[in-house]
Structure formats: structure tokens, C-alpha cells
């Protein structure tokens, strides 16, 4: 389930506000001690409990040096992906620059320096070489830009978002192992795809842009102000461009957002463990502001009411 690591100088109210903005609800938190700094000196880091190596770092510092861990027997690897802004990485005389939603894998056998411009969030995955033998080979593709149009990277972004938001279960050792393996498989697919973004045909570019837009919608479903103008501004295109991309997918932007909100609501109602949330709380968490409208839409999509779905999941 989602878990916040919070910098020692972040108050409870600020952490709660961020949690509600990102997840739609408050979640468990743990304050960081001064001798255990968060990656990128972030103000808050969203991860999971149990920990499977995923980190979303909010409010990162403009400059950060990631140093090899002392007394670490095995070589560590990470995948870095800025969700916003730009990041310049310097390591061992090499230098790469990542734009928003691009990524790169690094071996932490030596210090890596990060310089961030307009940072908001940077995502990190700690990689296990035992689960991804590709990392040890010459074709590992370390310190090389993985373009945002890379299908493996796009799938990884979707899957990671679902895990960090608690929308996929991690409540058994078997499920945790499967999730870790799937994350590494997707990283491997991203690293193995050497085709540059410019080589993609127009249809592939459209599909890549639409997948990136869907990932940003997924990350903002709980926001009631989510709309086509917001997403268009985020991607630097017009609202009409976004609408046309969804038309090629056989639906409208609004239909897609409604479908995803209802699917997330169904998942929350039928899979929640412990104290079950109220139907109104679930409706609010997935971005609905009107309970009666939520009930009508839910029944139309699933042919049952939210209360019936909730009872069936008990």
C-alpha cells in the first residue's frame, strides 16, 4: 500500500495536503531522521509498504549527488525518470540530459551528480541485477537516454503509478515477488529497445503521445478540475490535439476519464482490506463531486449500484 517518507522539516498538515492531492486520501507516513536523508533531498517520497524499490520524490533539491553506499557488497543500479522539468546527470566523465518523462539507467559504482531545472517530481526505481541480468552486460544501455516514446518505458510508468497509488495488491510475498519481477521485465524492455524516437512512424508517435497523456490522466484522476485544457497545457499542445488523439482511440477525452474513474472506484469498493471506505469517500477519492451522478454512472457501467458492488467484495 502507499507509504510516505517525509522530510523532518515537513509538517503534518503539509504532508497530509500532498497525500490528498496525489492519492486523493491521507495515508501512512514516516518522518526521516537527519542522518537518513531522502533521495534528492526531497521533501516527501511516495513509496510502498512492503518496499519493492519504487520511489516518487516530490520537491527535490536543485543539486544532488548520489554516492555509492558504504560497505555495499553488490553493485547497485537505478532507473531515473523526471516526471517534470529537466535533469542533467554527470558520472565518470559522462553527461546526459533528460527531459520530462525520459529516463536513464545508472550503475552506482561511482558518484552520480544530478542538476535539476524546474523540478517537481523525479521517479526512481532501485534495480536488482539478479532480476535483470541485462544490467551486467555490455548492451546494458547505462547512461543513455530512454525516450518518452519508448513503449516499455510507457508501460512501466503506467504500472508504477498503479503500484504507488495502491491500486494493485501487494499483500502477499508471492504478489510482491511478481510485482518486482514485472517492474524489472518492463525496465528490461525499455533498455532493450534501441530504436530512436525519430525513427517511429507517425502512427507510433501518436500512440506514444496518447499513452503519455493517459499516464498523466491516471496520476490526476482524483482532481475534480481535471480537464482537457489541463492535460493539453501539460503537454504543450492545444485541447483540439488531445481530443483528436482520443478520437483515433474510438472515444472522447471525457469518456476515457469517466471510465478510468469508475474502474478505480470499483477496485476500491471490492478489494479494500480492513475498514471499508464509505461510498461517498470513494466517489470523492476518484474525482466525483456529486454522489448521485457517481451512483448513476456506476450503475450504467457495471449494472449494479456501488453498495451492491461493495457488498459483493466483502
Protein backbone atom coordinates (compact mmCIF):
# COMPACT_ATOMS: atom_id res chain seq x y z
CA UNK A 1 0.00 0.00 0.00
CA UNK A 2 1.17 3.63 -0.44
CA UNK A 3 3.55 4.95 2.20
CA UNK A 4 5.08 8.42 2.62
CA UNK A 5 8.62 9.10 3.73
CA UNK A 6 8.56 12.69 4.94
CA UNK A 7 11.47 15.09 5.46
CA UNK A 8 11.98 16.17 9.06
CA UNK A 9 11.15 19.80 8.18
CA UNK A 10 7.77 18.97 6.61
CA UNK A 11 4.81 19.43 8.92
CA UNK A 12 1.92 17.04 9.29
CA UNK A 13 -0.52 19.41 7.56
CA UNK A 14 1.72 19.83 4.51
CA UNK A 15 2.27 16.08 4.24
CA UNK A 16 -1.45 15.40 4.56
CA UNK A 17 -2.27 18.00 1.90
CA UNK A 18 0.23 16.46 -0.51
CA UNK A 19 -1.09 12.97 0.14
CA UNK A 20 -4.65 14.06 -0.58
CA UNK A 21 -3.58 15.89 -3.74
CA UNK A 22 -1.64 12.92 -5.12
CA UNK A 23 -3.64 9.96 -3.81
CA UNK A 24 -7.00 11.51 -3.02
CA UNK A 25 -6.71 10.49 0.64
CA UNK A 26 -4.28 10.55 3.55
CA UNK A 27 -2.00 7.57 4.05
CA UNK A 28 0.62 6.28 6.48
CA UNK A 29 3.77 8.38 6.88
CA UNK A 30 7.19 8.10 8.48
CA UNK A 31 9.43 11.09 9.27
CA UNK A 32 13.01 10.85 8.04
CA UNK A 33 15.80 11.25 10.56
CA UNK A 34 18.57 13.80 9.83
CA UNK A 35 21.16 11.06 9.31
CA UNK A 36 18.93 9.29 6.77
CA UNK A 37 18.28 11.87 4.02
CA UNK A 38 15.68 11.17 1.39
CA UNK A 39 16.77 10.69 -2.24
CA UNK A 40 17.36 14.04 -3.95
CA UNK A 41 16.80 15.74 -0.60
CA UNK A 42 13.12 15.56 -1.47
CA UNK A 43 10.53 16.99 0.88
CA UNK A 44 8.38 13.86 0.56
CA UNK A 45 8.88 10.48 -1.07
CA UNK A 46 5.99 8.20 -2.05
CA UNK A 47 6.86 4.51 -1.84
CA UNK A 48 5.12 1.27 -0.88
CA UNK A 49 4.96 -0.92 2.18
CA UNK A 50 6.19 -3.55 1.64
CA UNK A 51 9.04 -1.85 -0.19
CA UNK A 52 9.65 -3.09 -3.76
CA UNK A 53 12.10 -0.35 -4.79
CA UNK A 54 9.77 2.29 -6.25
CA UNK A 55 10.17 5.97 -5.25
CA UNK A 56 8.42 9.14 -6.37
CA UNK A 57 10.38 12.09 -4.95
CA UNK A 58 8.42 15.35 -4.55
CA UNK A 59 10.11 18.72 -4.10
CA UNK A 60 13.65 17.52 -4.94
CA UNK A 61 16.72 19.72 -4.48
CA UNK A 62 18.20 21.52 -7.48
CA UNK A 63 21.51 19.74 -6.94
CA UNK A 64 22.08 16.24 -5.60
CA UNK A 65 24.99 13.80 -5.55
CA UNK A 66 24.10 10.13 -5.25
CA UNK A 67 27.11 8.43 -3.68
CA UNK A 68 27.78 4.68 -3.56
CA UNK A 69 26.64 3.19 -0.30
CA UNK A 70 29.39 2.27 2.11
CA UNK A 71 30.09 -1.40 2.77
CA UNK A 72 27.73 -2.38 -0.01
CA UNK A 73 28.73 -5.78 -1.33
CA UNK A 74 26.78 -5.84 -4.60
CA UNK A 75 26.77 -3.14 -7.26
CA UNK A 76 23.58 -1.06 -7.18
CA UNK A 77 21.63 0.13 -10.20
CA UNK A 78 18.83 2.66 -10.51
CA UNK A 79 16.46 3.95 -13.16
CA UNK A 80 15.80 7.70 -13.07
CA UNK A 81 12.80 9.41 -14.69
CA UNK A 82 11.91 13.09 -14.19
CA UNK A 83 8.14 13.47 -14.33
CA UNK A 84 8.54 17.24 -14.75
CA UNK A 85 11.31 19.66 -15.67
CA UNK A 86 14.78 18.58 -16.83
CA UNK A 87 17.69 16.72 -15.24
CA UNK A 88 21.37 16.75 -16.19
CA UNK A 89 23.32 13.70 -14.95
CA UNK A 90 27.12 13.61 -14.75
CA UNK A 91 29.00 10.46 -13.87
CA UNK A 92 32.57 9.37 -14.53
CA UNK A 93 33.21 11.96 -17.21
CA UNK A 94 29.92 11.21 -18.98
CA UNK A 95 26.96 13.53 -19.23
CA UNK A 96 23.34 13.11 -20.32
CA UNK A 97 20.29 15.36 -20.15
CA UNK A 98 16.78 14.06 -19.53
CA UNK A 99 13.59 15.90 -20.39
CA UNK A 100 10.28 15.25 -18.65
CA UNK A 101 9.23 11.59 -18.89
CA UNK A 102 12.54 10.47 -20.37
CA UNK A 103 14.64 8.01 -18.36
CA UNK A 104 18.11 6.52 -17.92
CA UNK A 105 19.63 3.62 -16.01
CA UNK A 106 22.80 4.11 -13.95
CA UNK A 107 25.24 1.88 -12.11
CA UNK A 108 26.13 3.36 -8.72
CA UNK A 109 29.72 2.16 -8.70
CA UNK A 110 30.76 5.82 -8.56
CA UNK A 111 29.10 9.07 -7.57
CA UNK A 112 26.42 10.45 -9.88
CA UNK A 113 25.68 14.19 -9.89
CA UNK A 114 22.19 15.49 -10.71
CA UNK A 115 21.36 19.08 -11.65
CA UNK A 116 17.62 19.72 -11.87
CA UNK A 117 15.75 22.51 -13.66
CA UNK A 118 12.11 23.25 -12.77
CA UNK A 119 11.86 20.12 -10.64
CA UNK A 120 8.54 18.92 -9.32
CA UNK A 121 8.84 15.17 -9.13
CA UNK A 122 11.50 12.66 -10.04
CA UNK A 123 10.87 8.91 -10.08
CA UNK A 124 13.47 6.35 -9.03
CA UNK A 125 13.49 2.56 -9.26
CA UNK A 126 16.15 0.61 -7.38
CA UNK A 127 17.09 -2.30 -9.63
CA UNK A 128 18.23 -5.80 -8.72
CA UNK A 129 20.81 -7.21 -11.15
CA UNK A 130 19.66 -10.73 -10.23
CA UNK A 131 16.24 -9.90 -11.74
CA UNK A 132 17.70 -8.05 -14.72
CA UNK A 133 20.88 -9.79 -15.98
CA UNK A 134 20.99 -7.31 -18.88
CA UNK A 135 22.46 -4.75 -16.46
CA UNK A 136 25.76 -6.60 -16.23
CA UNK A 137 26.32 -6.88 -19.98
CA UNK A 138 27.90 -4.51 -22.44
CA UNK A 139 24.47 -3.91 -24.00
CA UNK A 140 23.00 -2.65 -20.73
CA UNK A 141 22.48 0.85 -22.15
CA UNK A 142 23.59 2.59 -18.95
CA UNK A 143 23.80 6.40 -19.03
CA UNK A 144 21.79 6.51 -22.25
CA UNK A 145 18.54 8.40 -22.73
CA UNK A 146 15.40 6.26 -22.99
CA UNK A 147 12.96 8.43 -24.98
CA UNK A 148 9.49 9.13 -23.61
CA UNK A 149 8.01 7.38 -26.68
CA UNK A 150 9.65 4.07 -25.70
CA UNK A 151 6.78 1.53 -25.30
CA UNK A 152 8.47 -0.31 -22.44
CA UNK A 153 9.01 2.95 -20.55
CA UNK A 154 5.40 4.00 -21.09
CA UNK A 155 4.14 0.66 -19.78
CA UNK A 156 6.50 0.96 -16.82
CA UNK A 157 5.16 4.44 -15.98
CA UNK A 158 1.57 3.13 -16.02
CA UNK A 159 2.39 0.08 -13.90
CA UNK A 160 4.49 2.01 -11.40
CA UNK A 161 1.72 4.58 -10.93
CA UNK A 162 -0.79 1.83 -10.15
CA UNK A 163 1.54 0.26 -7.58
CA UNK A 164 2.43 3.54 -5.86
CA UNK A 165 -1.22 4.54 -5.59
CA UNK A 166 -2.20 1.24 -4.01
CA UNK A 167 -4.36 0.15 -6.93
CA UNK A 168 -2.63 -3.22 -7.27
CA UNK A 169 -2.34 -5.55 -4.27
CA UNK A 170 0.99 -6.29 -2.60
CA UNK A 171 -0.42 -8.16 0.38
CA UNK A 172 1.47 -11.43 -0.01
CA UNK A 173 5.06 -12.47 -0.64
CA UNK A 174 4.02 -14.02 -3.96
CA UNK A 175 2.37 -10.83 -5.20
CA UNK A 176 5.35 -8.74 -4.09
CA UNK A 177 7.73 -11.01 -5.99
CA UNK A 178 5.51 -10.88 -9.09
CA UNK A 179 5.34 -7.08 -8.95
CA UNK A 180 9.13 -6.74 -8.60
CA UNK A 181 9.69 -9.17 -11.46
CA UNK A 182 7.20 -7.33 -13.69
CA UNK A 183 8.85 -3.97 -12.96
CA UNK A 184 12.24 -5.42 -13.93
CA UNK A 185 10.78 -7.03 -17.07
CA UNK A 186 9.45 -3.64 -18.18
CA UNK A 187 12.77 -1.94 -17.41
CA UNK A 188 14.46 -4.63 -19.50
CA UNK A 189 12.04 -4.00 -22.37
CA UNK A 190 12.78 -0.26 -22.20
CA UNK A 191 16.55 -0.81 -22.17
CA UNK A 192 16.42 -3.37 -24.99
CA UNK A 193 14.51 -1.11 -27.39
CA UNK A 194 17.28 0.80 -29.15
CA UNK A 195 15.10 2.47 -31.79
CA UNK A 196 15.38 6.27 -31.53
CA UNK A 197 12.21 8.29 -31.17
CA UNK A 198 12.71 9.96 -34.57
CA UNK A 199 12.55 6.58 -36.30
CA UNK A 200 8.96 5.99 -35.26
CA UNK A 201 6.29 6.31 -37.91
CA UNK A 202 3.58 8.94 -37.30
CA UNK A 203 1.09 6.37 -36.02
CA UNK A 204 3.63 5.21 -33.44
CA UNK A 205 4.25 8.79 -32.34
CA UNK A 206 0.53 9.33 -31.92
CA UNK A 207 0.25 6.14 -29.89
CA UNK A 208 3.22 7.19 -27.75
CA UNK A 209 1.77 10.64 -27.09
CA UNK A 210 -1.64 9.18 -26.26
CA UNK A 211 -0.05 6.70 -23.82
CA UNK A 212 1.82 9.57 -22.11
CA UNK A 213 -1.40 11.58 -21.86
CA UNK A 214 -3.24 8.59 -20.37
CA UNK A 215 -0.46 8.18 -17.79
CA UNK A 216 -0.86 11.83 -16.75
CA UNK A 217 -4.63 11.42 -16.53
CA UNK A 218 -4.14 8.35 -14.33
CA UNK A 219 -1.95 10.36 -11.98
CA UNK A 220 -4.60 13.10 -11.66
CA UNK A 221 -7.90 11.21 -11.59
CA UNK A 222 -8.71 12.38 -8.08
CA UNK A 223 -8.62 16.06 -9.14
CA UNK A 224 -12.09 17.39 -9.87
CA UNK A 225 -10.60 20.13 -12.05
CA UNK A 226 -9.06 17.52 -14.37
CA UNK A 227 -9.96 18.52 -17.90
CA UNK A 228 -8.73 18.55 -21.45
CA UNK A 229 -7.27 22.06 -21.10
CA UNK A 230 -5.16 21.00 -18.10
CA UNK A 231 -3.73 17.99 -19.94
CA UNK A 232 -3.18 19.97 -23.15
CA UNK A 233 -1.23 22.64 -21.24
CA UNK A 234 0.86 19.96 -19.53
CA UNK A 235 1.87 18.53 -22.92
CA UNK A 236 2.29 21.86 -24.71
CA UNK A 237 -0.42 21.21 -27.30
CA UNK A 238 -3.92 22.51 -27.98
CA UNK A 239 -7.05 20.96 -26.48
CA UNK A 240 -8.11 20.01 -30.03
CA UNK A 241 -4.95 17.93 -30.48
CA UNK A 242 -5.75 15.99 -27.30
CA UNK A 243 -9.35 15.47 -28.42
CA UNK A 244 -8.24 14.18 -31.83
CA UNK A 245 -5.83 11.71 -30.22
CA UNK A 246 -8.72 10.22 -28.26
CA UNK A 247 -10.90 10.18 -31.37
CA UNK A 248 -8.32 7.89 -33.01
CA UNK A 249 -8.77 5.66 -29.95
CA UNK A 250 -12.52 5.49 -30.58
CA UNK A 251 -13.72 7.63 -27.66
CA UNK A 252 -13.72 11.14 -26.26
CA UNK A 253 -11.43 12.55 -23.59
CA UNK A 254 -14.36 12.86 -21.16
CA UNK A 255 -15.49 9.28 -21.80
CA UNK A 256 -11.99 7.99 -21.05
CA UNK A 257 -11.68 9.97 -17.80
CA UNK A 258 -15.11 8.78 -16.65
CA UNK A 259 -14.26 5.16 -17.49
CA UNK A 260 -10.99 5.27 -15.54
CA UNK A 261 -12.63 6.92 -12.53
CA UNK A 262 -15.35 4.30 -12.42
CA UNK A 263 -12.85 1.44 -12.80
CA UNK A 264 -10.79 2.84 -9.95
CA UNK A 265 -13.93 3.21 -7.81
CA UNK A 266 -14.87 -0.42 -8.49
CA UNK A 267 -11.40 -1.55 -7.42
CA UNK A 268 -11.57 0.49 -4.20
CA UNK A 269 -15.01 -0.88 -3.32
CA UNK A 270 -14.37 -4.57 -3.93
CA UNK A 271 -10.73 -5.03 -2.84
CA UNK A 272 -10.33 -2.83 0.25
CA UNK A 273 -8.95 -4.59 3.31
CA UNK A 274 -9.65 -3.61 6.90
CA UNK A 275 -12.04 -0.72 7.46
CA UNK A 276 -14.01 -0.27 4.24
CA UNK A 277 -14.41 3.32 2.96
CA UNK A 278 -17.84 4.83 2.55
CA UNK A 279 -19.27 5.10 -0.94
CA UNK A 280 -19.16 8.91 -0.74
CA UNK A 281 -15.46 8.75 0.27
CA UNK A 282 -14.67 6.53 -2.71
CA UNK A 283 -16.57 8.85 -5.06
CA UNK A 284 -14.55 11.81 -3.76
CA UNK A 285 -11.24 9.91 -3.98
CA UNK A 286 -11.72 9.17 -7.69
CA UNK A 287 -12.71 12.72 -8.62
CA UNK A 288 -16.52 12.88 -8.42
CA UNK A 289 -18.08 15.88 -6.73
CA UNK A 290 -21.71 14.74 -6.99
CA UNK A 291 -22.68 11.48 -5.28
CA UNK A 292 -25.94 10.99 -7.20
CA UNK A 293 -24.10 11.44 -10.52
CA UNK A 294 -21.49 8.91 -9.38
CA UNK A 295 -24.22 6.39 -8.48
CA UNK A 296 -25.92 6.79 -11.87
CA UNK A 297 -22.69 6.43 -13.83
CA UNK A 298 -21.58 3.44 -11.74
CA UNK A 299 -24.86 1.57 -12.29
CA UNK A 300 -24.80 2.31 -16.02
CA UNK A 301 -21.26 0.92 -16.40
CA UNK A 302 -21.40 -2.10 -14.07
CA UNK A 303 -25.13 -2.86 -13.99
CA UNK A 304 -25.19 -2.67 -10.21
CA UNK A 305 -25.07 0.05 -7.57
CA UNK A 306 -21.89 0.95 -5.65
CA UNK A 307 -23.40 -0.51 -2.47
CA UNK A 308 -24.09 -3.81 -4.23
CA UNK A 309 -20.53 -3.93 -5.57
CA UNK A 310 -19.19 -3.17 -2.11
CA UNK A 311 -21.28 -5.92 -0.52
CA UNK A 312 -20.12 -8.42 -3.15
CA UNK A 313 -16.49 -7.68 -2.32
CA UNK A 314 -16.85 -8.27 1.42
